[in-house]
PDB file of N, CA and C in Angstrom:
ATOM      1  N   UNK A   1     -25.745   5.196 -14.685  1.00  0.00           N
ATOM      2  CA  UNK A   1     -26.019   6.236 -15.639  1.00  0.00           C
ATOM      3  C   UNK A   1     -24.858   6.305 -16.631  1.00  0.00           C
ATOM      4  N   UNK A   2     -25.189   6.500 -17.902  1.00  0.00           N
ATOM      5  CA  UNK A   2     -24.196   6.611 -18.960  1.00  0.00           C
ATOM      6  C   UNK A   2     -24.404   7.947 -19.667  1.00  0.00           C
ATOM      7  N   UNK A   3     -23.308   8.665 -19.887  1.00  0.00           N
ATOM      8  CA  UNK A   3     -23.352   9.931 -20.615  1.00  0.00           C
ATOM      9  C   UNK A   3     -22.504   9.764 -21.869  1.00  0.00           C
ATOM     10  N   UNK A   4     -23.069  10.127 -23.033  1.00  0.00           N
ATOM     11  CA  UNK A   4     -22.345  10.067 -24.298  1.00  0.00           C
ATOM     12  C   UNK A   4     -22.272  11.480 -24.857  1.00  0.00           C
ATOM     13  N   UNK A   5     -21.037  11.970 -25.060  1.00  0.00           N
ATOM     14  CA  UNK A   5     -20.817  13.288 -25.646  1.00  0.00           C
ATOM     15  C   UNK A   5     -20.136  13.083 -26.992  1.00  0.00           C
ATOM     16  N   UNK A   6     -20.469  13.924 -27.964  1.00  0.00           N
ATOM     17  CA  UNK A   6     -19.852  13.797 -29.281  1.00  0.00           C
ATOM     18  C   UNK A   6     -19.083  15.059 -29.641  1.00  0.00           C
ATOM     19  N   UNK A   7     -18.077  14.879 -30.474  1.00  0.00           N
ATOM     20  CA  UNK A   7     -17.331  16.004 -31.033  1.00  0.00           C
ATOM     21  C   UNK A   7     -16.860  15.593 -32.426  1.00  0.00           C
ATOM     22  N   UNK A   8     -16.615  16.575 -33.279  1.00  0.00           N
ATOM     23  CA  UNK A   8     -16.209  16.338 -34.661  1.00  0.00           C
ATOM     24  C   UNK A   8     -14.688  16.364 -34.738  1.00  0.00           C
ATOM     25  N   UNK A   9     -14.105  15.289 -35.309  1.00  0.00           N
ATOM     26  CA  UNK A   9     -12.652  15.225 -35.489  1.00  0.00           C
ATOM     27  C   UNK A   9     -12.373  14.793 -36.923  1.00  0.00           C
ATOM     28  N   UNK A  10     -11.152  14.849 -37.348  1.00  0.00           N
ATOM     29  CA  UNK A  10     -10.780  14.425 -38.694  1.00  0.00           C
ATOM     30  C   UNK A  10     -10.440  12.957 -38.732  1.00  0.00           C
ATOM     31  N   UNK A  11     -10.100  12.479 -39.905  1.00  0.00           N
ATOM     32  CA  UNK A  11      -9.655  11.096 -40.064  1.00  0.00           C
ATOM     33  C   UNK A  11     -10.755  10.187 -40.559  1.00  0.00           C
ATOM     34  N   UNK A  12     -10.549   8.889 -40.396  1.00  0.00           N
ATOM     35  CA  UNK A  12     -11.491   7.885 -40.879  1.00  0.00           C
ATOM     36  C   UNK A  12     -12.776   7.846 -40.056  1.00  0.00           C
ATOM     37  N   UNK A  13     -12.719   8.262 -38.833  1.00  0.00           N
ATOM     38  CA  UNK A  13     -13.869   8.251 -37.933  1.00  0.00           C
ATOM     39  C   UNK A  13     -14.124   9.696 -37.511  1.00  0.00           C
ATOM     40  N   UNK A  14     -15.040  10.339 -38.200  1.00  0.00           N
ATOM     41  CA  UNK A  14     -15.253  11.789 -38.083  1.00  0.00           C
ATOM     42  C   UNK A  14     -15.820  12.230 -36.744  1.00  0.00           C
ATOM     43  N   UNK A  15     -16.541  11.361 -36.066  1.00  0.00           N
ATOM     44  CA  UNK A  15     -17.153  11.761 -34.810  1.00  0.00           C
ATOM     45  C   UNK A  15     -16.566  10.974 -33.662  1.00  0.00           C
ATOM     46  N   UNK A  16     -16.181  11.709 -32.649  1.00  0.00           N
ATOM     47  CA  UNK A  16     -15.659  11.096 -31.439  1.00  0.00           C
ATOM     48  C   UNK A  16     -16.781  11.083 -30.419  1.00  0.00           C
ATOM     49  N   UNK A  17     -16.997   9.922 -29.798  1.00  0.00           N
ATOM     50  CA  UNK A  17     -17.980   9.814 -28.733  1.00  0.00           C
ATOM     51  C   UNK A  17     -17.234   9.528 -27.433  1.00  0.00           C
ATOM     52  N   UNK A  18     -17.431  10.390 -26.468  1.00  0.00           N
ATOM     53  CA  UNK A  18     -16.854  10.166 -25.147  1.00  0.00           C
ATOM     54  C   UNK A  18     -17.943   9.571 -24.272  1.00  0.00           C
ATOM     55  N   UNK A  19     -17.681   8.376 -23.750  1.00  0.00           N
ATOM     56  CA  UNK A  19     -18.665   7.670 -22.935  1.00  0.00           C
ATOM     57  C   UNK A  19     -18.202   7.702 -21.489  1.00  0.00           C
ATOM     58  N   UNK A  20     -19.080   8.163 -20.616  1.00  0.00           N
ATOM     59  CA  UNK A  20     -18.785   8.223 -19.194  1.00  0.00           C
ATOM     60  C   UNK A  20     -19.810   7.384 -18.445  1.00  0.00           C
ATOM     61  N   UNK A  21     -19.317   6.500 -17.604  1.00  0.00           N
ATOM     62  CA  UNK A  21     -20.192   5.684 -16.760  1.00  0.00           C
ATOM     63  C   UNK A  21     -20.124   6.268 -15.359  1.00  0.00           C
ATOM     64  N   UNK A  22     -21.285   6.420 -14.729  1.00  0.00           N
ATOM     65  CA  UNK A  22     -21.302   7.019 -13.393  1.00  0.00           C
ATOM     66  C   UNK A  22     -20.369   6.255 -12.459  1.00  0.00           C
ATOM     67  N   UNK A  23     -19.700   7.007 -11.618  1.00  0.00           N
ATOM     68  CA  UNK A  23     -18.708   6.447 -10.708  1.00  0.00           C
ATOM     69  C   UNK A  23     -19.407   5.705  -9.576  1.00  0.00           C
ATOM     70  N   UNK A  24     -19.037   4.475  -9.393  1.00  0.00           N
ATOM     71  CA  UNK A  24     -19.620   3.677  -8.323  1.00  0.00           C
ATOM     72  C   UNK A  24     -18.560   2.724  -7.792  1.00  0.00           C
ATOM     73  N   UNK A  25     -18.419   2.706  -6.487  1.00  0.00           N
ATOM     74  CA  UNK A  25     -17.459   1.797  -5.868  1.00  0.00           C
ATOM     75  C   UNK A  25     -17.909   0.345  -6.001  1.00  0.00           C
ATOM     76  N   UNK A  26     -19.214   0.146  -6.269  1.00  0.00           N
ATOM     77  CA  UNK A  26     -19.754  -1.207  -6.365  1.00  0.00           C
ATOM     78  C   UNK A  26     -19.396  -1.881  -7.684  1.00  0.00           C
ATOM     79  N   UNK A  27     -18.923  -1.111  -8.661  1.00  0.00           N
ATOM     80  CA  UNK A  27     -18.606  -1.671  -9.975  1.00  0.00           C
ATOM     81  C   UNK A  27     -17.089  -1.792 -10.116  1.00  0.00           C
ATOM     82  N   UNK A  28     -16.627  -3.014 -10.391  1.00  0.00           N
ATOM     83  CA  UNK A  28     -15.189  -3.246 -10.538  1.00  0.00           C
ATOM     84  C   UNK A  28     -14.711  -2.736 -11.893  1.00  0.00           C
ATOM     85  N   UNK A  29     -13.397  -2.632 -12.053  1.00  0.00           N
ATOM     86  CA  UNK A  29     -12.812  -2.204 -13.323  1.00  0.00           C
ATOM     87  C   UNK A  29     -13.199  -3.188 -14.432  1.00  0.00           C
ATOM     88  N   UNK A  30     -13.164  -4.481 -14.135  1.00  0.00           N
ATOM     89  CA  UNK A  30     -13.537  -5.493 -15.135  1.00  0.00           C
ATOM     90  C   UNK A  30     -14.999  -5.316 -15.560  1.00  0.00           C
ATOM     91  N   UNK A  31     -15.874  -5.026 -14.604  1.00  0.00           N
ATOM     92  CA  UNK A  31     -17.289  -4.811 -14.924  1.00  0.00           C
ATOM     93  C   UNK A  31     -17.468  -3.555 -15.766  1.00  0.00           C
ATOM     94  N   UNK A  32     -16.697  -2.507 -15.470  1.00  0.00           N
ATOM     95  CA  UNK A  32     -16.761  -1.272 -16.260  1.00  0.00           C
ATOM     96  C   UNK A  32     -16.347  -1.531 -17.702  1.00  0.00           C
ATOM     97  N   UNK A  33     -15.279  -2.304 -17.889  1.00  0.00           N
ATOM     98  CA  UNK A  33     -14.820  -2.622 -19.247  1.00  0.00           C
ATOM     99  C   UNK A  33     -15.896  -3.409 -19.991  1.00  0.00           C
ATOM    100  N   UNK A  34     -16.546  -4.331 -19.317  1.00  0.00           N
ATOM    101  CA  UNK A  34     -17.643  -5.073 -19.929  1.00  0.00           C
ATOM    102  C   UNK A  34     -18.793  -4.157 -20.288  1.00  0.00           C
ATOM    103  N   UNK A  35     -19.086  -3.193 -19.418  1.00  0.00           N
ATOM    104  CA  UNK A  35     -20.149  -2.226 -19.689  1.00  0.00           C
ATOM    105  C   UNK A  35     -19.788  -1.363 -20.898  1.00  0.00           C
ATOM    106  N   UNK A  36     -18.519  -0.945 -20.992  1.00  0.00           N
ATOM    107  CA  UNK A  36     -18.095  -0.119 -22.120  1.00  0.00           C
ATOM    108  C   UNK A  36     -18.196  -0.876 -23.435  1.00  0.00           C
ATOM    109  N   UNK A  37     -17.839  -2.151 -23.422  1.00  0.00           N
ATOM    110  CA  UNK A  37     -17.968  -2.957 -24.635  1.00  0.00           C
ATOM    111  C   UNK A  37     -19.438  -3.101 -25.016  1.00  0.00           C
ATOM    112  N   UNK A  38     -20.298  -3.337 -24.035  1.00  0.00           N
ATOM    113  CA  UNK A  38     -21.732  -3.416 -24.309  1.00  0.00           C
ATOM    114  C   UNK A  38     -22.255  -2.100 -24.885  1.00  0.00           C
ATOM    115  N   UNK A  39     -21.784  -0.982 -24.354  1.00  0.00           N
ATOM    116  CA  UNK A  39     -22.204   0.340 -24.843  1.00  0.00           C
ATOM    117  C   UNK A  39     -21.718   0.541 -26.276  1.00  0.00           C
ATOM    118  N   UNK A  40     -20.459   0.166 -26.569  1.00  0.00           N
ATOM    119  CA  UNK A  40     -19.933   0.300 -27.936  1.00  0.00           C
ATOM    120  C   UNK A  40     -20.752  -0.545 -28.897  1.00  0.00           C
ATOM    121  N   UNK A  41     -21.109  -1.757 -28.490  1.00  0.00           N
ATOM    122  CA  UNK A  41     -21.927  -2.621 -29.344  1.00  0.00           C
ATOM    123  C   UNK A  41     -23.320  -2.025 -29.555  1.00  0.00           C
ATOM    124  N   UNK A  42     -23.875  -1.475 -28.501  1.00  0.00           N
ATOM    125  CA  UNK A  42     -25.218  -0.866 -28.611  1.00  0.00           C
ATOM    126  C   UNK A  42     -25.188   0.355 -29.530  1.00  0.00           C
ATOM    127  N   UNK A  43     -24.170   1.212 -29.363  1.00  0.00           N
ATOM    128  CA  UNK A  43     -24.045   2.387 -30.224  1.00  0.00           C
ATOM    129  C   UNK A  43     -23.875   1.982 -31.689  1.00  0.00           C
ATOM    130  N   UNK A  44     -23.013   0.997 -31.941  1.00  0.00           N
ATOM    131  CA  UNK A  44     -22.795   0.525 -33.315  1.00  0.00           C
ATOM    132  C   UNK A  44     -24.094  -0.008 -33.910  1.00  0.00           C
ATOM    133  N   UNK A  45     -24.852  -0.758 -33.122  1.00  0.00           N
ATOM    134  CA  UNK A  45     -26.109  -1.324 -33.595  1.00  0.00           C
ATOM    135  C   UNK A  45     -27.149  -0.240 -33.839  1.00  0.00           C
ATOM    136  N   UNK A  46     -27.335   0.644 -32.883  1.00  0.00           N
ATOM    137  CA  UNK A  46     -28.347   1.695 -33.006  1.00  0.00           C
ATOM    138  C   UNK A  46     -28.032   2.663 -34.146  1.00  0.00           C
ATOM    139  N   UNK A  47     -26.748   2.977 -34.328  1.00  0.00           N
ATOM    140  CA  UNK A  47     -26.342   3.929 -35.364  1.00  0.00           C
ATOM    141  C   UNK A  47     -26.071   3.251 -36.709  1.00  0.00           C
ATOM    142  N   UNK A  48     -26.050   1.901 -36.705  1.00  0.00           N
ATOM    143  CA  UNK A  48     -25.723   1.128 -37.905  1.00  0.00           C
ATOM    144  C   UNK A  48     -24.419   1.615 -38.539  1.00  0.00           C
ATOM    145  N   UNK A  49     -23.412   1.691 -37.697  1.00  0.00           N
ATOM    146  CA  UNK A  49     -22.094   2.117 -38.142  1.00  0.00           C
ATOM    147  C   UNK A  49     -21.029   1.379 -37.348  1.00  0.00           C
ATOM    148  N   UNK A  50     -19.806   1.474 -37.799  1.00  0.00           N
ATOM    149  CA  UNK A  50     -18.672   0.866 -37.105  1.00  0.00           C
ATOM    150  C   UNK A  50     -18.164   1.848 -36.051  1.00  0.00           C
ATOM    151  N   UNK A  51     -17.916   1.333 -34.874  1.00  0.00           N
ATOM    152  CA  UNK A  51     -17.393   2.123 -33.764  1.00  0.00           C
ATOM    153  C   UNK A  51     -16.011   1.591 -33.422  1.00  0.00           C
ATOM    154  N   UNK A  52     -15.072   2.485 -33.119  1.00  0.00           N
ATOM    155  CA  UNK A  52     -13.767   2.044 -32.633  1.00  0.00           C
ATOM    156  C   UNK A  52     -13.550   2.601 -31.233  1.00  0.00           C
ATOM    157  N   UNK A  53     -12.879   1.802 -30.412  1.00  0.00           N
ATOM    158  CA  UNK A  53     -12.587   2.223 -29.041  1.00  0.00           C
ATOM    159  C   UNK A  53     -11.209   1.722 -28.651  1.00  0.00           C
ATOM    160  N   UNK A  54     -10.545   2.490 -27.812  1.00  0.00           N
ATOM    161  CA  UNK A  54      -9.274   2.024 -27.258  1.00  0.00           C
ATOM    162  C   UNK A  54      -9.410   1.758 -25.763  1.00  0.00           C
ATOM    163  N   UNK A  55     -10.644   1.749 -25.268  1.00  0.00           N
ATOM    164  CA  UNK A  55     -10.879   1.531 -23.839  1.00  0.00           C
ATOM    165  C   UNK A  55     -11.039   0.062 -23.470  1.00  0.00           C
ATOM    166  N   UNK A  56     -11.419  -0.770 -24.415  1.00  0.00           N
ATOM    167  CA  UNK A  56     -11.624  -2.197 -24.128  1.00  0.00           C
ATOM    168  C   UNK A  56     -11.118  -3.043 -25.285  1.00  0.00           C
ATOM    169  N   UNK A  57     -10.712  -4.268 -24.968  1.00  0.00           N
ATOM    170  CA  UNK A  57     -10.387  -5.239 -25.996  1.00  0.00           C
ATOM    171  C   UNK A  57      -9.033  -5.105 -26.646  1.00  0.00           C
ATOM    172  N   UNK A  58      -8.192  -4.186 -26.165  1.00  0.00           N
ATOM    173  CA  UNK A  58      -6.863  -4.016 -26.751  1.00  0.00           C
ATOM    174  C   UNK A  58      -5.816  -4.005 -25.659  1.00  0.00           C
ATOM    175  N   UNK A  59      -4.587  -4.282 -26.052  1.00  0.00           N
ATOM    176  CA  UNK A  59      -3.462  -4.245 -25.128  1.00  0.00           C
ATOM    177  C   UNK A  59      -3.129  -2.785 -24.829  1.00  0.00           C
ATOM    178  N   UNK A  60      -3.245  -2.353 -23.575  1.00  0.00           N
ATOM    179  CA  UNK A  60      -2.993  -0.942 -23.263  1.00  0.00           C
ATOM    180  C   UNK A  60      -1.549  -0.485 -23.500  1.00  0.00           C
ATOM    181  N   UNK A  61      -0.653  -1.432 -23.739  1.00  0.00           N
ATOM    182  CA  UNK A  61       0.746  -1.062 -23.982  1.00  0.00           C
ATOM    183  C   UNK A  61       0.947  -0.485 -25.384  1.00  0.00           C
ATOM    184  N   UNK A  62      -0.011  -0.722 -26.277  1.00  0.00           N
ATOM    185  CA  UNK A  62       0.108  -0.237 -27.653  1.00  0.00           C
ATOM    186  C   UNK A  62      -0.866   0.913 -27.888  1.00  0.00           C
ATOM    187  N   UNK A  63      -0.333   2.109 -28.097  1.00  0.00           N
ATOM    188  CA  UNK A  63      -1.156   3.304 -28.275  1.00  0.00           C
ATOM    189  C   UNK A  63      -1.944   3.292 -29.566  1.00  0.00           C
ATOM    190  N   UNK A  64      -1.515   2.501 -30.556  1.00  0.00           N
ATOM    191  CA  UNK A  64      -2.166   2.543 -31.864  1.00  0.00           C
ATOM    192  C   UNK A  64      -3.220   1.456 -32.064  1.00  0.00           C
ATOM    193  N   UNK A  65      -3.486   0.651 -31.045  1.00  0.00           N
ATOM    194  CA  UNK A  65      -4.483  -0.411 -31.142  1.00  0.00           C
ATOM    195  C   UNK A  65      -5.872   0.103 -30.770  1.00  0.00           C
ATOM    196  N   UNK A  66      -6.855  -0.274 -31.586  1.00  0.00           N
ATOM    197  CA  UNK A  66      -8.245   0.053 -31.322  1.00  0.00           C
ATOM    198  C   UNK A  66      -9.079  -1.194 -31.527  1.00  0.00           C
ATOM    199  N   UNK A  67     -10.189  -1.289 -30.819  1.00  0.00           N
ATOM    200  CA  UNK A  67     -11.139  -2.363 -31.041  1.00  0.00           C
ATOM    201  C   UNK A  67     -12.231  -1.824 -31.951  1.00  0.00           C
ATOM    202  N   UNK A  68     -12.407  -2.463 -33.103  1.00  0.00           N
ATOM    203  CA  UNK A  68     -13.435  -2.074 -34.056  1.00  0.00           C
ATOM    204  C   UNK A  68     -14.667  -2.937 -33.773  1.00  0.00           C
ATOM    205  N   UNK A  69     -15.821  -2.279 -33.630  1.00  0.00           N
ATOM    206  CA  UNK A  69     -17.071  -2.966 -33.296  1.00  0.00           C
ATOM    207  C   UNK A  69     -18.084  -2.735 -34.410  1.00  0.00           C
ATOM    208  N   UNK A  70     -18.604  -3.816 -34.981  1.00  0.00           N
ATOM    209  CA  UNK A  70     -19.598  -3.750 -36.054  1.00  0.00           C
ATOM    210  C   UNK A  70     -21.003  -3.700 -35.452  1.00  0.00           C
ATOM    211  N   UNK A  71     -21.977  -3.261 -36.236  1.00  0.00           N
ATOM    212  CA  UNK A  71     -23.356  -3.220 -35.746  1.00  0.00           C
ATOM    213  C   UNK A  71     -23.905  -4.580 -35.295  1.00  0.00           C
ATOM    214  N   UNK A  72     -23.373  -5.671 -35.853  1.00  0.00           N
ATOM    215  CA  UNK A  72     -23.830  -7.001 -35.442  1.00  0.00           C
ATOM    216  C   UNK A  72     -23.110  -7.497 -34.191  1.00  0.00           C
ATOM    217  N   UNK A  73     -22.202  -6.661 -33.630  1.00  0.00           N
ATOM    218  CA  UNK A  73     -21.487  -7.011 -32.409  1.00  0.00           C
ATOM    219  C   UNK A  73     -20.122  -7.623 -32.632  1.00  0.00           C
ATOM    220  N   UNK A  74     -19.788  -7.954 -33.884  1.00  0.00           N
ATOM    221  CA  UNK A  74     -18.471  -8.532 -34.186  1.00  0.00           C
ATOM    222  C   UNK A  74     -17.385  -7.515 -33.857  1.00  0.00           C
ATOM    223  N   UNK A  75     -16.252  -8.004 -33.391  1.00  0.00           N
ATOM    224  CA  UNK A  75     -15.143  -7.118 -33.033  1.00  0.00           C
ATOM    225  C   UNK A  75     -13.860  -7.588 -33.698  1.00  0.00           C
ATOM    226  N   UNK A  76     -12.964  -6.632 -33.878  1.00  0.00           N
ATOM    227  CA  UNK A  76     -11.650  -6.928 -34.448  1.00  0.00           C
ATOM    228  C   UNK A  76     -10.687  -5.831 -33.999  1.00  0.00           C
ATOM    229  N   UNK A  77      -9.448  -6.196 -33.705  1.00  0.00           N
ATOM    230  CA  UNK A  77      -8.435  -5.209 -33.328  1.00  0.00           C
ATOM    231  C   UNK A  77      -7.814  -4.643 -34.597  1.00  0.00           C
ATOM    232  N   UNK A  78      -7.713  -3.311 -34.648  1.00  0.00           N
ATOM    233  CA  UNK A  78      -7.112  -2.615 -35.793  1.00  0.00           C
ATOM    234  C   UNK A  78      -6.071  -1.633 -35.278  1.00  0.00           C
ATOM    235  N   UNK A  79      -5.181  -1.207 -36.187  1.00  0.00           N
ATOM    236  CA  UNK A  79      -4.133  -0.262 -35.812  1.00  0.00           C
ATOM    237  C   UNK A  79      -4.321   1.051 -36.570  1.00  0.00           C
ATOM    238  N   UNK A  80      -4.028   2.146 -35.857  1.00  0.00           N
ATOM    239  CA  UNK A  80      -4.127   3.483 -36.437  1.00  0.00           C
ATOM    240  C   UNK A  80      -2.733   4.069 -36.612  1.00  0.00           C
ATOM    241  N   UNK A  81      -2.646   5.047 -37.492  1.00  0.00           N
ATOM    242  CA  UNK A  81      -1.396   5.753 -37.769  1.00  0.00           C
ATOM    243  C   UNK A  81      -1.085   6.687 -36.596  1.00  0.00           C
ATOM    244  N   UNK A  82       0.079   6.489 -35.963  1.00  0.00           N
ATOM    245  CA  UNK A  82       0.443   7.303 -34.796  1.00  0.00           C
ATOM    246  C   UNK A  82       0.621   8.777 -35.144  1.00  0.00           C
ATOM    247  N   UNK A  83       1.138   9.079 -36.339  1.00  0.00           N
ATOM    248  CA  UNK A  83       1.311  10.478 -36.744  1.00  0.00           C
ATOM    249  C   UNK A  83      -0.037  11.189 -36.832  1.00  0.00           C
ATOM    250  N   UNK A  84      -1.031  10.523 -37.391  1.00  0.00           N
ATOM    251  CA  UNK A  84      -2.369  11.114 -37.483  1.00  0.00           C
ATOM    252  C   UNK A  84      -2.967  11.310 -36.096  1.00  0.00           C
ATOM    253  N   UNK A  85      -2.685  10.380 -35.193  1.00  0.00           N
ATOM    254  CA  UNK A  85      -3.212  10.494 -33.838  1.00  0.00           C
ATOM    255  C   UNK A  85      -2.659  11.722 -33.131  1.00  0.00           C
ATOM    256  N   UNK A  86      -1.425  12.110 -33.466  1.00  0.00           N
ATOM    257  CA  UNK A  86      -0.860  13.327 -32.886  1.00  0.00           C
ATOM    258  C   UNK A  86      -1.645  14.561 -33.323  1.00  0.00           C
ATOM    259  N   UNK A  87      -2.339  14.458 -34.467  1.00  0.00           N
ATOM    260  CA  UNK A  87      -3.177  15.544 -34.977  1.00  0.00           C
ATOM    261  C   UNK A  87      -4.630  15.359 -34.528  1.00  0.00           C
ATOM    262  N   UNK A  88      -4.847  14.482 -33.563  1.00  0.00           N
ATOM    263  CA  UNK A  88      -6.171  14.210 -33.006  1.00  0.00           C
ATOM    264  C   UNK A  88      -7.122  13.574 -34.024  1.00  0.00           C
ATOM    265  N   UNK A  89      -6.574  12.750 -34.926  1.00  0.00           N
ATOM    266  CA  UNK A  89      -7.364  12.027 -35.926  1.00  0.00           C
ATOM    267  C   UNK A  89      -7.064  10.535 -35.834  1.00  0.00           C
ATOM    268  N   UNK A  90      -8.037   9.735 -36.215  1.00  0.00           N
ATOM    269  CA  UNK A  90      -7.831   8.298 -36.288  1.00  0.00           C
ATOM    270  C   UNK A  90      -7.833   7.912 -37.759  1.00  0.00           C
ATOM    271  N   UNK A  91      -6.676   7.498 -38.268  1.00  0.00           N
ATOM    272  CA  UNK A  91      -6.518   7.054 -39.646  1.00  0.00           C
ATOM    273  C   UNK A  91      -5.956   5.638 -39.583  1.00  0.00           C
ATOM    274  N   UNK A  92      -6.683   4.693 -40.140  1.00  0.00           N
ATOM    275  CA  UNK A  92      -6.274   3.294 -40.066  1.00  0.00           C
ATOM    276  C   UNK A  92      -5.084   2.996 -40.965  1.00  0.00           C
ATOM    277  N   UNK A  93      -4.236   2.090 -40.504  1.00  0.00           N
ATOM    278  CA  UNK A  93      -3.125   1.595 -41.303  1.00  0.00           C
ATOM    279  C   UNK A  93      -3.695   0.732 -42.433  1.00  0.00           C
ATOM    280  N   UNK A  94      -2.902   0.463 -43.471  1.00  0.00           N
ATOM    281  CA  UNK A  94      -3.370  -0.205 -44.685  1.00  0.00           C
ATOM    282  C   UNK A  94      -4.069  -1.538 -44.406  1.00  0.00           C
ATOM    283  N   UNK A  95      -3.447  -2.420 -43.639  1.00  0.00           N
ATOM    284  CA  UNK A  95      -4.051  -3.724 -43.355  1.00  0.00           C
ATOM    285  C   UNK A  95      -5.355  -3.564 -42.578  1.00  0.00           C
ATOM    286  N   UNK A  96      -5.369  -2.645 -41.623  1.00  0.00           N
ATOM    287  CA  UNK A  96      -6.576  -2.405 -40.841  1.00  0.00           C
ATOM    288  C   UNK A  96      -7.666  -1.780 -41.698  1.00  0.00           C
ATOM    289  N   UNK A  97      -7.268  -0.920 -42.626  1.00  0.00           N
ATOM    290  CA  UNK A  97      -8.245  -0.302 -43.528  1.00  0.00           C
ATOM    291  C   UNK A  97      -8.958  -1.371 -44.342  1.00  0.00           C
ATOM    292  N   UNK A  98      -8.229  -2.392 -44.781  1.00  0.00           N
ATOM    293  CA  UNK A  98      -8.845  -3.491 -45.541  1.00  0.00           C
ATOM    294  C   UNK A  98      -9.891  -4.210 -44.696  1.00  0.00           C
ATOM    295  N   UNK A  99      -9.581  -4.450 -43.427  1.00  0.00           N
ATOM    296  CA  UNK A  99     -10.537  -5.113 -42.540  1.00  0.00           C
ATOM    297  C   UNK A  99     -11.750  -4.227 -42.285  1.00  0.00           C
ATOM    298  N   UNK A 100     -11.512  -2.908 -42.145  1.00  0.00           N
ATOM    299  CA  UNK A 100     -12.599  -1.945 -41.962  1.00  0.00           C
ATOM    300  C   UNK A 100     -13.509  -1.945 -43.199  1.00  0.00           C
ATOM    301  N   UNK A 101     -12.917  -1.885 -44.384  1.00  0.00           N
ATOM    302  CA  UNK A 101     -13.707  -1.847 -45.623  1.00  0.00           C
ATOM    303  C   UNK A 101     -14.524  -3.124 -45.803  1.00  0.00           C
ATOM    304  N   UNK A 102     -13.966  -4.268 -45.423  1.00  0.00           N
ATOM    305  CA  UNK A 102     -14.713  -5.525 -45.505  1.00  0.00           C
ATOM    306  C   UNK A 102     -15.898  -5.504 -44.547  1.00  0.00           C
ATOM    307  N   UNK A 103     -15.677  -4.995 -43.337  1.00  0.00           N
ATOM    308  CA  UNK A 103     -16.751  -4.901 -42.359  1.00  0.00           C
ATOM    309  C   UNK A 103     -17.814  -3.907 -42.837  1.00  0.00           C
ATOM    310  N   UNK A 104     -17.373  -2.803 -43.399  1.00  0.00           N
ATOM    311  CA  UNK A 104     -18.283  -1.769 -43.909  1.00  0.00           C
ATOM    312  C   UNK A 104     -19.124  -2.308 -45.065  1.00  0.00           C
ATOM    313  N   UNK A 105     -18.515  -3.075 -45.967  1.00  0.00           N
ATOM    314  CA  UNK A 105     -19.270  -3.608 -47.100  1.00  0.00           C
ATOM    315  C   UNK A 105     -20.291  -4.649 -46.652  1.00  0.00           C
ATOM    316  N   UNK A 106     -20.037  -5.312 -45.544  1.00  0.00           N
ATOM    317  CA  UNK A 106     -21.014  -6.260 -45.007  1.00  0.00           C
ATOM    318  C   UNK A 106     -22.232  -5.514 -44.456  1.00  0.00           C
ATOM    319  N   UNK A 107     -22.017  -4.297 -43.963  1.00  0.00           N
ATOM    320  CA  UNK A 107     -23.105  -3.492 -43.417  1.00  0.00           C
ATOM    321  C   UNK A 107     -23.910  -2.855 -44.545  1.00  0.00           C
ATOM    322  N   UNK A 108     -23.186  -2.304 -45.516  1.00  0.00           N
ATOM    323  CA  UNK A 108     -23.791  -1.576 -46.631  1.00  0.00           C
ATOM    324  C   UNK A 108     -23.312  -2.177 -47.947  1.00  0.00           C
ATOM    325  N   UNK A 109     -23.852  -3.337 -48.336  1.00  0.00           N
ATOM    326  CA  UNK A 109     -23.394  -3.977 -49.574  1.00  0.00           C
ATOM    327  C   UNK A 109     -23.703  -3.087 -50.787  1.00  0.00           C
ATOM    328  N   UNK A 110     -22.802  -3.103 -51.733  1.00  0.00           N
ATOM    329  CA  UNK A 110     -22.961  -2.335 -52.967  1.00  0.00           C
ATOM    330  C   UNK A 110     -23.642  -3.244 -53.989  1.00  0.00           C
ATOM    331  N   UNK A 111     -24.726  -2.751 -54.586  1.00  0.00           N
ATOM    332  CA  UNK A 111     -25.431  -3.540 -55.590  1.00  0.00           C
ATOM    333  C   UNK A 111     -24.598  -3.578 -56.874  1.00  0.00           C
ATOM    334  N   UNK A 112     -24.452  -4.757 -57.428  1.00  0.00           N
ATOM    335  CA  UNK A 112     -23.679  -4.923 -58.662  1.00  0.00           C
ATOM    336  C   UNK A 112     -24.526  -4.507 -59.852  1.00  0.00           C
ATOM    337  N   UNK A 113     -23.919  -3.794 -60.781  1.00  0.00           N
ATOM    338  CA  UNK A 113     -24.606  -3.416 -62.022  1.00  0.00           C
ATOM    339  C   UNK A 113     -24.591  -4.591 -62.990  1.00  0.00           C
ATOM    340  N   UNK A 114     -25.716  -4.847 -63.618  1.00  0.00           N
ATOM    341  CA  UNK A 114     -25.779  -5.946 -64.581  1.00  0.00           C
ATOM    342  C   UNK A 114     -26.102  -5.413 -65.932  1.00  0.00           C
TER     343      UNK A 114
END
């Protein structure tokens, strides 16, 4: 069983989704991480938006690393501003923002005026 709860926060990603997987001794930590990545990919696809997570795909030693997941399932590691995180917001650093904007434009291309 999977439970998804949402809350409104500030920053580049306005909605926080808390995903809880039912506790089972039969599921290993590695399997849970795989399930969380699958859930992030499914949410990104169903919502047609970019999802970021710090639960899978990043080095846990770095507090500012997040895994960005596109609706097509593509992933990329991005960094957030630690000061903004202290205010409970996720604001991407400049280089990561460029990667986010490129991913976003692939999802929602802007029609060129002729």
